Amino acid sequence: MFITVPATSANLGPGFDTLGLAVDLRNEISIKPSRFLSISTHGEGADNPKIKKNTLFLNVFNENYKRLSGREDNFRFEFFNHIPISRGLGSSSAVIVAALSGAYAAAGKKVNKREILNRALRYEPHPDNITPAVMGGFNVACVEGDRVYSKKRRMPDYLKAVVVVPDRTISTAKSRTVLPRVYKKEETVYSLSRAAYMTALFMSESWDLLRIASKDKLHQARRMKMIPELFDVQKLALKHGALMSTLSGSGSTFFNLVYEKDAEKMAKVLRERFGHFRVFVLDLDNHGVIVN
């Protein structure tokens, strides 16, 4: 079987742990029955000993394959990683979603996306990345008990993502340490109102108002201070046609939503100014995880 899972951009400014969308940059995993366990890794993280072992994937896959099939069998896993690791593009969520989907398929069970999403919550308690990884498109999600409740909006072909991937990582755990334990009421209302407004704009395809809706006072600026160049990335992107420019997840990647006609021009400007960063022009993904 062959599984692909898209990268995701979470938070989208004010939608802290709630909003996210999928972009067409996919990790691919081949799973075949084998007489013994075999793992090979290509692409992102292939030279990292921890990534090469794929411990997270194997733990999630094995736990769920045994739960579903009652067996402990061996497989050959071949990973083709295209999502940058620890850069705020949902690489961990992609691993979890791929492992769960693979376990269901290998056990002969139908891959029900809602079931996969709720199961993924056991390994990733925040739904903003796992939801678009499973469902594709733009998603608003919340958690009640042990279930994710979400609503998806398909993204149109005339929009593109321009993502800027710095040469440094920001771990989610570390980035959360810079956030305050208590927020001012004004900060909370500011971001809450914009998260609600942004959701309405995505659902109604009112793209030209996203620049206002994507502002945030809860987490973004505090995290961006860990790599101050990100303020310049955002300023330059907005100057050159970005409909919105937001820290992707906890960073360090920056996500820019643009009209297709502006994408390459913006990418060129960003590459010229930030030659030590990687810049991708990507389609938006509406499919989520795919199992063949």
C-alpha atoms as a PDB file:
ATOM      1  CA  MET A   1       0.000   0.000   0.000  1.00  0.00           C
ATOM      2  CA  PHE A   2       1.045   3.595  -0.543  1.00  0.00           C
ATOM      3  CA  ILE A   3       0.041   6.454   1.777  1.00  0.00           C
ATOM      4  CA  THR A   4       0.513  10.174   1.266  1.00  0.00           C
ATOM      5  CA  VAL A   5      -0.177  12.933   3.808  1.00  0.00           C
ATOM      6  CA  PRO A   6      -0.009  16.706   3.171  1.00  0.00           C
ATOM      7  CA  ALA A   7       1.876  19.340   5.076  1.00  0.00           C
ATOM      8  CA  THR A   8      -0.279  21.697   7.102  1.00  0.00           C
ATOM      9  CA  SER A   9      -0.156  25.268   8.332  1.00  0.00           C
ATOM     10  CA  ALA A  10      -1.841  25.747  11.690  1.00  0.00           C
ATOM     11  CA  ASN A  11      -3.078  28.713  13.715  1.00  0.00           C
ATOM     12  CA  LEU A  12      -3.119  31.043  10.682  1.00  0.00           C
ATOM     13  CA  GLY A  13      -2.502  33.964  12.999  1.00  0.00           C
ATOM     14  CA  PRO A  14      -5.332  34.287  15.538  1.00  0.00           C
ATOM     15  CA  GLY A  15      -6.760  30.758  15.268  1.00  0.00           C
ATOM     16  CA  PHE A  16      -4.522  29.401  18.021  1.00  0.00           C
ATOM     17  CA  ASP A  17      -4.825  25.567  18.172  1.00  0.00           C
ATOM     18  CA  THR A  18      -8.064  25.836  16.150  1.00  0.00           C
ATOM     19  CA  LEU A  19      -7.559  26.833  12.498  1.00  0.00           C
ATOM     20  CA  GLY A  20      -5.423  25.128   9.874  1.00  0.00           C
ATOM     21  CA  LEU A  21      -5.180  24.240   6.213  1.00  0.00           C
ATOM     22  CA  ALA A  22      -3.355  21.695   4.045  1.00  0.00           C
ATOM     23  CA  VAL A  23      -0.777  22.410   1.349  1.00  0.00           C
ATOM     24  CA  ASP A  24       0.343  20.100  -1.420  1.00  0.00           C
ATOM     25  CA  LEU A  25       3.722  19.103  -0.018  1.00  0.00           C
ATOM     26  CA  ARG A  26       3.389  15.437   0.855  1.00  0.00           C
ATOM     27  CA  ASN A  27       5.165  12.752   2.799  1.00  0.00           C
ATOM     28  CA  GLU A  28       4.849   9.362   1.111  1.00  0.00           C
ATOM     29  CA  ILE A  29       5.085   5.957   2.787  1.00  0.00           C
ATOM     30  CA  SER A  30       5.205   2.543   1.170  1.00  0.00           C
ATOM     31  CA  ILE A  31       4.142  -0.382   3.397  1.00  0.00           C
ATOM     32  CA  LYS A  32       4.612  -4.010   2.349  1.00  0.00           C
ATOM     33  CA  PRO A  33       4.416  -7.303   4.288  1.00  0.00           C
ATOM     34  CA  SER A  34       7.874  -8.654   5.104  1.00  0.00           C
ATOM     35  CA  ARG A  35       9.555 -11.545   6.891  1.00  0.00           C
ATOM     36  CA  PHE A  36      11.366  -9.032   9.095  1.00  0.00           C
ATOM     37  CA  LEU A  37      11.139  -5.350   9.993  1.00  0.00           C
ATOM     38  CA  SER A  38      12.761  -3.122   7.384  1.00  0.00           C
ATOM     39  CA  ILE A  39      12.954   0.689   7.338  1.00  0.00           C
ATOM     40  CA  SER A  40      14.429   3.042   4.746  1.00  0.00           C
ATOM     41  CA  THR A  41      14.133   6.819   4.764  1.00  0.00           C
ATOM     42  CA  HIS A  42      14.657   9.283   1.924  1.00  0.00           C
ATOM     43  CA  GLY A  43      14.473  13.052   1.776  1.00  0.00           C
ATOM     44  CA  GLU A  44      13.949  15.259   4.824  1.00  0.00           C
ATOM     45  CA  GLY A  45      15.605  13.787   7.908  1.00  0.00           C
ATOM     46  CA  ALA A  46      17.280  10.935   6.033  1.00  0.00           C
ATOM     47  CA  ASP A  47      20.633  11.814   7.645  1.00  0.00           C
ATOM     48  CA  ASN A  48      19.174  12.231  11.135  1.00  0.00           C
ATOM     49  CA  PRO A  49      19.558   9.020  13.198  1.00  0.00           C
ATOM     50  CA  LYS A  50      16.412   9.753  15.239  1.00  0.00           C
ATOM     51  CA  ILE A  51      14.314  10.391  12.134  1.00  0.00           C
ATOM     52  CA  LYS A  52      15.707   7.353  10.324  1.00  0.00           C
ATOM     53  CA  LYS A  53      14.383   5.088  13.091  1.00  0.00           C
ATOM     54  CA  ASN A  54      10.874   6.559  12.657  1.00  0.00           C
ATOM     55  CA  THR A  55      10.065   5.711  16.262  1.00  0.00           C
ATOM     56  CA  LEU A  56       6.863   7.766  16.394  1.00  0.00           C
ATOM     57  CA  PHE A  57       5.505   6.163  13.236  1.00  0.00           C
ATOM     58  CA  LEU A  58       6.356   2.631  14.349  1.00  0.00           C
ATOM     59  CA  ASN A  59       4.911   3.086  17.822  1.00  0.00           C
ATOM     60  CA  VAL A  60       1.604   4.420  16.500  1.00  0.00           C
ATOM     61  CA  PHE A  61       1.422   1.889  13.646  1.00  0.00           C
ATOM     62  CA  ASN A  62       2.266  -1.150  15.778  1.00  0.00           C
ATOM     63  CA  GLU A  63      -0.068  -0.211  18.620  1.00  0.00           C
ATOM     64  CA  ASN A  64      -3.018   0.257  16.284  1.00  0.00           C
ATOM     65  CA  TYR A  65      -2.251  -2.652  13.937  1.00  0.00           C
ATOM     66  CA  LYS A  66      -2.240  -5.002  16.927  1.00  0.00           C
ATOM     67  CA  ARG A  67      -5.445  -3.430  18.284  1.00  0.00           C
ATOM     68  CA  LEU A  68      -7.206  -3.851  14.949  1.00  0.00           C
ATOM     69  CA  SER A  69      -5.851  -7.206  13.785  1.00  0.00           C
ATOM     70  CA  GLY A  70      -4.814  -8.937  17.000  1.00  0.00           C
ATOM     71  CA  ARG A  71      -1.458  -9.754  15.379  1.00  0.00           C
ATOM     72  CA  GLU A  72       2.141  -8.570  15.489  1.00  0.00           C
ATOM     73  CA  ASP A  73       3.434  -8.839  11.923  1.00  0.00           C
ATOM     74  CA  ASN A  74       6.521  -7.473  10.212  1.00  0.00           C
ATOM     75  CA  PHE A  75       6.478  -4.936   7.380  1.00  0.00           C
ATOM     76  CA  ARG A  76       8.861  -3.131   5.095  1.00  0.00           C
ATOM     77  CA  PHE A  77       8.425   0.640   5.496  1.00  0.00           C
ATOM     78  CA  GLU A  78       9.888   3.025   2.961  1.00  0.00           C
ATOM     79  CA  PHE A  79       9.565   6.729   3.777  1.00  0.00           C
ATOM     80  CA  PHE A  80       9.840   9.533   1.240  1.00  0.00           C
ATOM     81  CA  ASN A  81       9.831  12.703   3.349  1.00  0.00           C
ATOM     82  CA  HIS A  82       9.164  16.058   1.699  1.00  0.00           C
ATOM     83  CA  ILE A  83       7.784  18.002   4.686  1.00  0.00           C
ATOM     84  CA  PRO A  84      10.539  19.958   6.504  1.00  0.00           C
ATOM     85  CA  ILE A  85      10.962  18.675  10.048  1.00  0.00           C
ATOM     86  CA  SER A  86      10.350  20.857  13.115  1.00  0.00           C
ATOM     87  CA  ARG A  87       9.540  23.865  10.965  1.00  0.00           C
ATOM     88  CA  GLY A  88       5.839  24.351  11.740  1.00  0.00           C
ATOM     89  CA  LEU A  89       4.473  22.500   8.716  1.00  0.00           C
ATOM     90  CA  GLY A  90       2.877  19.627  10.607  1.00  0.00           C
ATOM     91  CA  SER A  91       5.577  16.992  10.100  1.00  0.00           C
ATOM     92  CA  SER A  92       4.677  15.201  13.355  1.00  0.00           C
ATOM     93  CA  SER A  93       0.963  15.255  12.581  1.00  0.00           C
ATOM     94  CA  ALA A  94       1.693  13.839   9.128  1.00  0.00           C
ATOM     95  CA  VAL A  95       3.580  10.958  10.745  1.00  0.00           C
ATOM     96  CA  ILE A  96       0.720  10.213  13.156  1.00  0.00           C
ATOM     97  CA  VAL A  97      -1.952  10.360  10.452  1.00  0.00           C
ATOM     98  CA  ALA A  98       0.103   8.188   8.093  1.00  0.00           C
ATOM     99  CA  ALA A  99       0.782   5.604  10.804  1.00  0.00           C
ATOM    100  CA  LEU A 100      -2.883   5.351  11.772  1.00  0.00           C
ATOM    101  CA  SER A 101      -4.086   5.164   8.169  1.00  0.00           C
ATOM    102  CA  GLY A 102      -1.451   2.536   7.406  1.00  0.00           C
ATOM    103  CA  ALA A 103      -2.426   0.453  10.416  1.00  0.00           C
ATOM    104  CA  TYR A 104      -6.091   0.463   9.422  1.00  0.00           C
ATOM    105  CA  ALA A 105      -5.319  -0.438   5.807  1.00  0.00           C
ATOM    106  CA  ALA A 106      -2.791  -3.147   6.743  1.00  0.00           C
ATOM    107  CA  ALA A 107      -5.341  -4.694   9.107  1.00  0.00           C
ATOM    108  CA  GLY A 108      -7.904  -4.797   6.313  1.00  0.00           C
ATOM    109  CA  LYS A 109     -10.105  -2.105   7.855  1.00  0.00           C
ATOM    110  CA  LYS A 110     -11.722   0.696   5.906  1.00  0.00           C
ATOM    111  CA  VAL A 111      -9.906   3.976   6.471  1.00  0.00           C
ATOM    112  CA  ASN A 112     -12.665   6.184   7.874  1.00  0.00           C
ATOM    113  CA  LYS A 113     -11.292   9.705   8.069  1.00  0.00           C
ATOM    114  CA  ARG A 114     -13.366  10.809  11.036  1.00  0.00           C
ATOM    115  CA  GLU A 115     -12.255   7.752  12.975  1.00  0.00           C
ATOM    116  CA  ILE A 116      -8.616   8.378  12.016  1.00  0.00           C
ATOM    117  CA  LEU A 117      -8.925  11.995  13.163  1.00  0.00           C
ATOM    118  CA  ASN A 118     -10.398  11.109  16.535  1.00  0.00           C
ATOM    119  CA  ARG A 119      -7.768   8.423  17.059  1.00  0.00           C
ATOM    120  CA  ALA A 120      -4.997  10.893  16.124  1.00  0.00           C
ATOM    121  CA  LEU A 121      -6.147  13.111  18.988  1.00  0.00           C
ATOM    122  CA  ARG A 122      -4.680  10.531  21.383  1.00  0.00           C
ATOM    123  CA  TYR A 123      -1.205  11.341  20.078  1.00  0.00           C
ATOM    124  CA  GLU A 124      -1.619  15.039  19.229  1.00  0.00           C
ATOM    125  CA  PRO A 125      -3.988  16.916  21.561  1.00  0.00           C
ATOM    126  CA  HIS A 126      -4.284  20.000  19.360  1.00  0.00           C
ATOM    127  CA  PRO A 127      -6.568  19.583  16.328  1.00  0.00           C
ATOM    128  CA  ASP A 128      -5.256  22.422  14.157  1.00  0.00           C
ATOM    129  CA  ASN A 129      -2.669  20.276  12.318  1.00  0.00           C
ATOM    130  CA  ILE A 130      -4.148  16.786  12.442  1.00  0.00           C
ATOM    131  CA  THR A 131      -7.524  17.923  11.062  1.00  0.00           C
ATOM    132  CA  PRO A 132      -6.289  19.335   7.719  1.00  0.00           C
ATOM    133  CA  ALA A 133      -3.766  16.479   7.464  1.00  0.00           C
ATOM    134  CA  VAL A 134      -6.688  14.036   7.508  1.00  0.00           C
ATOM    135  CA  MET A 135      -9.356  16.074   5.726  1.00  0.00           C
ATOM    136  CA  GLY A 136      -7.488  18.487   3.469  1.00  0.00           C
ATOM    137  CA  GLY A 137      -8.681  22.037   2.793  1.00  0.00           C
ATOM    138  CA  PHE A 138      -9.232  24.780   5.366  1.00  0.00           C
ATOM    139  CA  ASN A 139     -10.552  23.534   8.700  1.00  0.00           C
ATOM    140  CA  VAL A 140     -11.909  25.028  11.884  1.00  0.00           C
ATOM    141  CA  ALA A 141     -11.800  22.480  14.695  1.00  0.00           C
ATOM    142  CA  CYS A 142     -12.507  22.085  18.383  1.00  0.00           C
ATOM    143  CA  VAL A 143     -12.245  19.229  20.863  1.00  0.00           C
ATOM    144  CA  GLU A 144     -15.039  17.967  23.078  1.00  0.00           C
ATOM    145  CA  GLY A 145     -14.136  14.996  25.242  1.00  0.00           C
ATOM    146  CA  ASP A 146     -12.178  12.605  23.054  1.00  0.00           C
ATOM    147  CA  ARG A 147     -13.620  13.799  19.734  1.00  0.00           C
ATOM    148  CA  VAL A 148     -12.664  16.426  17.173  1.00  0.00           C
ATOM    149  CA  TYR A 149     -15.537  18.466  15.791  1.00  0.00           C
ATOM    150  CA  SER A 150     -14.535  20.211  12.578  1.00  0.00           C
ATOM    151  CA  LYS A 151     -15.835  21.954   9.494  1.00  0.00           C
ATOM    152  CA  LYS A 152     -13.964  21.925   6.186  1.00  0.00           C
ATOM    153  CA  ARG A 153     -13.911  24.386   3.313  1.00  0.00           C
ATOM    154  CA  ARG A 154     -12.369  23.378   0.001  1.00  0.00           C
ATOM    155  CA  MET A 155      -9.762  25.829  -1.262  1.00  0.00           C
ATOM    156  CA  PRO A 156      -9.941  27.226  -4.813  1.00  0.00           C
ATOM    157  CA  ASP A 157      -7.287  26.581  -7.454  1.00  0.00           C
ATOM    158  CA  TYR A 158      -6.615  30.286  -8.028  1.00  0.00           C
ATOM    159  CA  LEU A 159      -4.923  30.618  -4.628  1.00  0.00           C
ATOM    160  CA  LYS A 160      -1.392  29.462  -3.841  1.00  0.00           C
ATOM    161  CA  ALA A 161       0.757  29.149  -0.752  1.00  0.00           C
ATOM    162  CA  VAL A 162       4.206  30.694  -0.655  1.00  0.00           C
ATOM    163  CA  VAL A 163       6.024  29.241   2.339  1.00  0.00           C
ATOM    164  CA  VAL A 164       9.334  30.501   3.663  1.00  0.00           C
ATOM    165  CA  VAL A 165      11.314  27.857   5.554  1.00  0.00           C
ATOM    166  CA  PRO A 166      14.162  29.253   7.693  1.00  0.00           C
ATOM    167  CA  ASP A 167      17.418  27.413   8.262  1.00  0.00           C
ATOM    168  CA  ARG A 168      16.639  27.144  11.982  1.00  0.00           C
ATOM    169  CA  THR A 169      14.022  25.191  13.878  1.00  0.00           C
ATOM    170  CA  ILE A 170      11.615  26.291  16.587  1.00  0.00           C
ATOM    171  CA  SER A 171      10.346  23.364  18.617  1.00  0.00           C
ATOM    172  CA  THR A 172       6.690  23.523  19.605  1.00  0.00           C
ATOM    173  CA  ALA A 173       7.526  22.735  23.213  1.00  0.00           C
ATOM    174  CA  LYS A 174      10.151  25.473  23.395  1.00  0.00           C
ATOM    175  CA  SER A 175       7.970  28.026  21.635  1.00  0.00           C
ATOM    176  CA  ARG A 176       5.160  27.479  24.144  1.00  0.00           C
ATOM    177  CA  THR A 177       7.528  28.475  26.965  1.00  0.00           C
ATOM    178  CA  VAL A 178       7.647  32.038  25.639  1.00  0.00           C
ATOM    179  CA  LEU A 179       3.889  32.407  25.930  1.00  0.00           C
ATOM    180  CA  PRO A 180       2.430  33.975  29.092  1.00  0.00           C
ATOM    181  CA  ARG A 181       0.378  31.982  31.563  1.00  0.00           C
ATOM    182  CA  VAL A 182      -2.174  34.782  31.763  1.00  0.00           C
ATOM    183  CA  TYR A 183      -3.407  37.023  28.937  1.00  0.00           C
ATOM    184  CA  LYS A 184      -5.035  40.422  29.131  1.00  0.00           C
ATOM    185  CA  LYS A 185      -8.724  40.470  28.302  1.00  0.00           C
ATOM    186  CA  GLU A 186      -8.060  42.932  25.472  1.00  0.00           C
ATOM    187  CA  GLU A 187      -5.511  40.586  23.863  1.00  0.00           C
ATOM    188  CA  THR A 188      -7.887  37.656  24.077  1.00  0.00           C
ATOM    189  CA  VAL A 189     -10.820  39.548  22.576  1.00  0.00           C
ATOM    190  CA  TYR A 190      -8.597  40.970  19.822  1.00  0.00           C
ATOM    191  CA  SER A 191      -7.502  37.516  18.646  1.00  0.00           C
ATOM    192  CA  LEU A 192     -10.821  35.787  19.299  1.00  0.00           C
ATOM    193  CA  SER A 193     -12.680  38.326  17.161  1.00  0.00           C
ATOM    194  CA  ARG A 194     -10.224  37.898  14.318  1.00  0.00           C
ATOM    195  CA  ALA A 195     -10.296  34.102  14.462  1.00  0.00           C
ATOM    196  CA  ALA A 196     -14.084  34.238  14.145  1.00  0.00           C
ATOM    197  CA  TYR A 197     -13.859  36.799  11.346  1.00  0.00           C
ATOM    198  CA  MET A 198     -11.210  34.772   9.512  1.00  0.00           C
ATOM    199  CA  THR A 199     -13.407  31.676   9.613  1.00  0.00           C
ATOM    200  CA  ALA A 200     -16.254  33.643   8.058  1.00  0.00           C
ATOM    201  CA  LEU A 201     -13.927  35.011   5.361  1.00  0.00           C
ATOM    202  CA  PHE A 202     -12.648  31.562   4.386  1.00  0.00           C
ATOM    203  CA  MET A 203     -16.151  30.126   4.276  1.00  0.00           C
ATOM    204  CA  SER A 204     -17.393  33.017   2.094  1.00  0.00           C
ATOM    205  CA  GLU A 205     -14.173  33.270   0.005  1.00  0.00           C
ATOM    206  CA  SER A 206     -13.695  36.929   0.964  1.00  0.00           C
ATOM    207  CA  TRP A 207      -9.933  36.776   0.533  1.00  0.00           C
ATOM    208  CA  ASP A 208      -9.177  40.493   0.302  1.00  0.00           C
ATOM    209  CA  LEU A 209     -10.140  41.035   3.945  1.00  0.00           C
ATOM    210  CA  LEU A 210      -7.772  38.393   5.333  1.00  0.00           C
ATOM    211  CA  ARG A 211      -5.030  40.914   6.027  1.00  0.00           C
ATOM    212  CA  ILE A 212      -7.174  42.356   8.817  1.00  0.00           C
ATOM    213  CA  ALA A 213      -8.428  39.000  10.088  1.00  0.00           C
ATOM    214  CA  SER A 214      -4.994  37.373  10.284  1.00  0.00           C
ATOM    215  CA  LYS A 215      -3.636  39.703  12.952  1.00  0.00           C
ATOM    216  CA  ASP A 216      -2.978  38.208  16.379  1.00  0.00           C
ATOM    217  CA  LYS A 217      -1.940  39.217  19.882  1.00  0.00           C
ATOM    218  CA  LEU A 218      -1.737  35.820  21.618  1.00  0.00           C
ATOM    219  CA  HIS A 219       1.324  34.045  20.290  1.00  0.00           C
ATOM    220  CA  GLN A 220       2.692  35.124  16.933  1.00  0.00           C
ATOM    221  CA  ALA A 221       4.936  38.094  17.762  1.00  0.00           C
ATOM    222  CA  ARG A 222       6.222  36.406  20.911  1.00  0.00           C
ATOM    223  CA  ARG A 223       7.341  33.374  18.922  1.00  0.00           C
ATOM    224  CA  MET A 224       8.728  35.399  16.016  1.00  0.00           C
ATOM    225  CA  LYS A 225      11.161  37.107  18.389  1.00  0.00           C
ATOM    226  CA  MET A 226      13.021  33.781  18.534  1.00  0.00           C
ATOM    227  CA  ILE A 227      14.013  34.415  14.888  1.00  0.00           C
ATOM    228  CA  PRO A 228      13.722  38.206  14.410  1.00  0.00           C
ATOM    229  CA  GLU A 229      14.168  37.951  10.616  1.00  0.00           C
ATOM    230  CA  LEU A 230      10.613  36.615  10.490  1.00  0.00           C
ATOM    231  CA  PHE A 231       9.276  40.134  11.033  1.00  0.00           C
ATOM    232  CA  ASP A 232      11.031  41.154   7.820  1.00  0.00           C
ATOM    233  CA  VAL A 233       9.645  38.102   5.998  1.00  0.00           C
ATOM    234  CA  GLN A 234       6.113  39.087   6.980  1.00  0.00           C
ATOM    235  CA  LYS A 235       6.579  42.754   6.088  1.00  0.00           C
ATOM    236  CA  LEU A 236       8.039  41.943   2.654  1.00  0.00           C
ATOM    237  CA  ALA A 237       5.350  39.366   1.854  1.00  0.00           C
ATOM    238  CA  LEU A 238       2.526  41.765   2.702  1.00  0.00           C
ATOM    239  CA  LYS A 239       4.195  44.471   0.609  1.00  0.00           C
ATOM    240  CA  HIS A 240       4.278  42.164  -2.418  1.00  0.00           C
ATOM    241  CA  GLY A 241       0.747  40.872  -2.532  1.00  0.00           C
ATOM    242  CA  ALA A 242       0.209  38.438   0.331  1.00  0.00           C
ATOM    243  CA  LEU A 243      -3.457  38.201   1.268  1.00  0.00           C
ATOM    244  CA  MET A 244      -2.253  37.059   4.682  1.00  0.00           C
ATOM    245  CA  SER A 245       1.174  36.325   6.127  1.00  0.00           C
ATOM    246  CA  THR A 246       1.309  34.262   9.314  1.00  0.00           C
ATOM    247  CA  LEU A 247       3.646  32.139  11.362  1.00  0.00           C
ATOM    248  CA  SER A 248       3.008  28.526  10.395  1.00  0.00           C
ATOM    249  CA  GLY A 249       2.158  26.586  13.533  1.00  0.00           C
ATOM    250  CA  SER A 250       4.771  27.439  16.135  1.00  0.00           C
ATOM    251  CA  GLY A 251       7.308  28.282  13.408  1.00  0.00           C
ATOM    252  CA  SER A 252       9.823  28.706  12.093  1.00  0.00           C
ATOM    253  CA  THR A 253       8.134  28.575   8.666  1.00  0.00           C
ATOM    254  CA  PHE A 254       6.088  31.534   7.459  1.00  0.00           C
ATOM    255  CA  PHE A 255       2.902  30.901   5.460  1.00  0.00           C
ATOM    256  CA  ASN A 256       1.685  33.337   2.832  1.00  0.00           C
ATOM    257  CA  LEU A 257      -1.613  33.021   0.992  1.00  0.00           C
ATOM    258  CA  VAL A 258      -1.586  34.693  -2.431  1.00  0.00           C
ATOM    259  CA  TYR A 259      -3.462  34.852  -5.685  1.00  0.00           C
ATOM    260  CA  GLU A 260      -1.879  32.573  -8.273  1.00  0.00           C
ATOM    261  CA  LYS A 261      -0.820  35.528 -10.437  1.00  0.00           C
ATOM    262  CA  ASP A 262       1.285  36.953  -7.575  1.00  0.00           C
ATOM    263  CA  ALA A 263       2.892  33.743  -6.322  1.00  0.00           C
ATOM    264  CA  GLU A 264       6.069  33.485  -8.417  1.00  0.00           C
ATOM    265  CA  LYS A 265       6.761  37.194  -8.214  1.00  0.00           C
ATOM    266  CA  MET A 266       6.526  37.114  -4.435  1.00  0.00           C
ATOM    267  CA  ALA A 267       8.642  33.966  -4.203  1.00  0.00           C
ATOM    268  CA  LYS A 268      11.372  35.629  -6.285  1.00  0.00           C
ATOM    269  CA  VAL A 269      11.450  38.672  -4.014  1.00  0.00           C
ATOM    270  CA  LEU A 270      11.623  36.495  -0.897  1.00  0.00           C
ATOM    271  CA  ARG A 271      14.394  34.306  -2.333  1.00  0.00           C
ATOM    272  CA  GLU A 272      16.457  37.337  -3.264  1.00  0.00           C
ATOM    273  CA  ARG A 273      16.085  38.877   0.193  1.00  0.00           C
ATOM    274  CA  PHE A 274      16.399  35.648   2.227  1.00  0.00           C
ATOM    275  CA  GLY A 275      18.832  33.548   0.223  1.00  0.00           C
ATOM    276  CA  HIS A 276      19.607  31.312   3.225  1.00  0.00           C
ATOM    277  CA  PHE A 277      15.946  30.317   3.582  1.00  0.00           C
ATOM    278  CA  ARG A 278      13.985  27.905   1.383  1.00  0.00           C
ATOM    279  CA  VAL A 279      10.958  29.280  -0.436  1.00  0.00           C
ATOM    280  CA  PHE A 280       8.263  27.011  -1.895  1.00  0.00           C
ATOM    281  CA  VAL A 281       5.312  27.892  -4.111  1.00  0.00           C
ATOM    282  CA  LEU A 282       2.666  25.265  -3.366  1.00  0.00           C
ATOM    283  CA  ASP A 283      -0.862  24.376  -4.350  1.00  0.00           C
ATOM    284  CA  LEU A 284      -3.416  24.152  -1.577  1.00  0.00           C
ATOM    285  CA  ASP A 285      -4.525  20.579  -0.856  1.00  0.00           C
ATOM    286  CA  ASN A 286      -8.168  19.519  -0.632  1.00  0.00           C
ATOM    287  CA  HIS A 287      -7.669  15.772  -0.271  1.00  0.00           C
ATOM    288  CA  GLY A 288      -5.896  15.165   3.032  1.00  0.00           C
ATOM    289  CA  VAL A 289      -4.524  11.694   3.648  1.00  0.00           C
ATOM    290  CA  ILE A 290      -4.729   9.315   0.671  1.00  0.00           C
ATOM    291  CA  VAL A 291      -4.360   5.542   0.882  1.00  0.00           C
ATOM    292  CA  ASN A 292      -3.793   3.447  -2.254  1.00  0.00           C
END
